[in-house]
């Protein structure tokens, strides 16, 4: 799967919509998209780091959360990434992604007991 080369366009609206669309594809396609996780993950990291739009950052973050909920073992440095993702909550740009953020927290709570202290710390801030 080749993701179109949009990196040089510097268009936050395009980044936002691309990140959102990719997240929905990951969620729907599940194991059919696993072979492309590396490229998708790299694209979402690119969007997050290059955009100036809070909405684009939220959509990229939410899509990475969808990837983790689909198959956490396919995400590089999964255990180091989860605390960074949780720090992005609550979303401030695209509040429509909040539901996905809550689903992600529930997923982590139900599957990864090792993050218990992180949640305690997060809710005490």
Foldseek 3Di string as FASTA:
>chain_A
DDDDPCLPVLDLVVLLVVLQVLLVCCLPVQPVCLVVVVVNLVSLVSQLVRHPALSSVLSSLLSVLSNCLSPVVSDPPSVVVVLVSLVCPPRDGPNVSNVSVVVSVVSCVVPPVVCVVVVVVVVVD
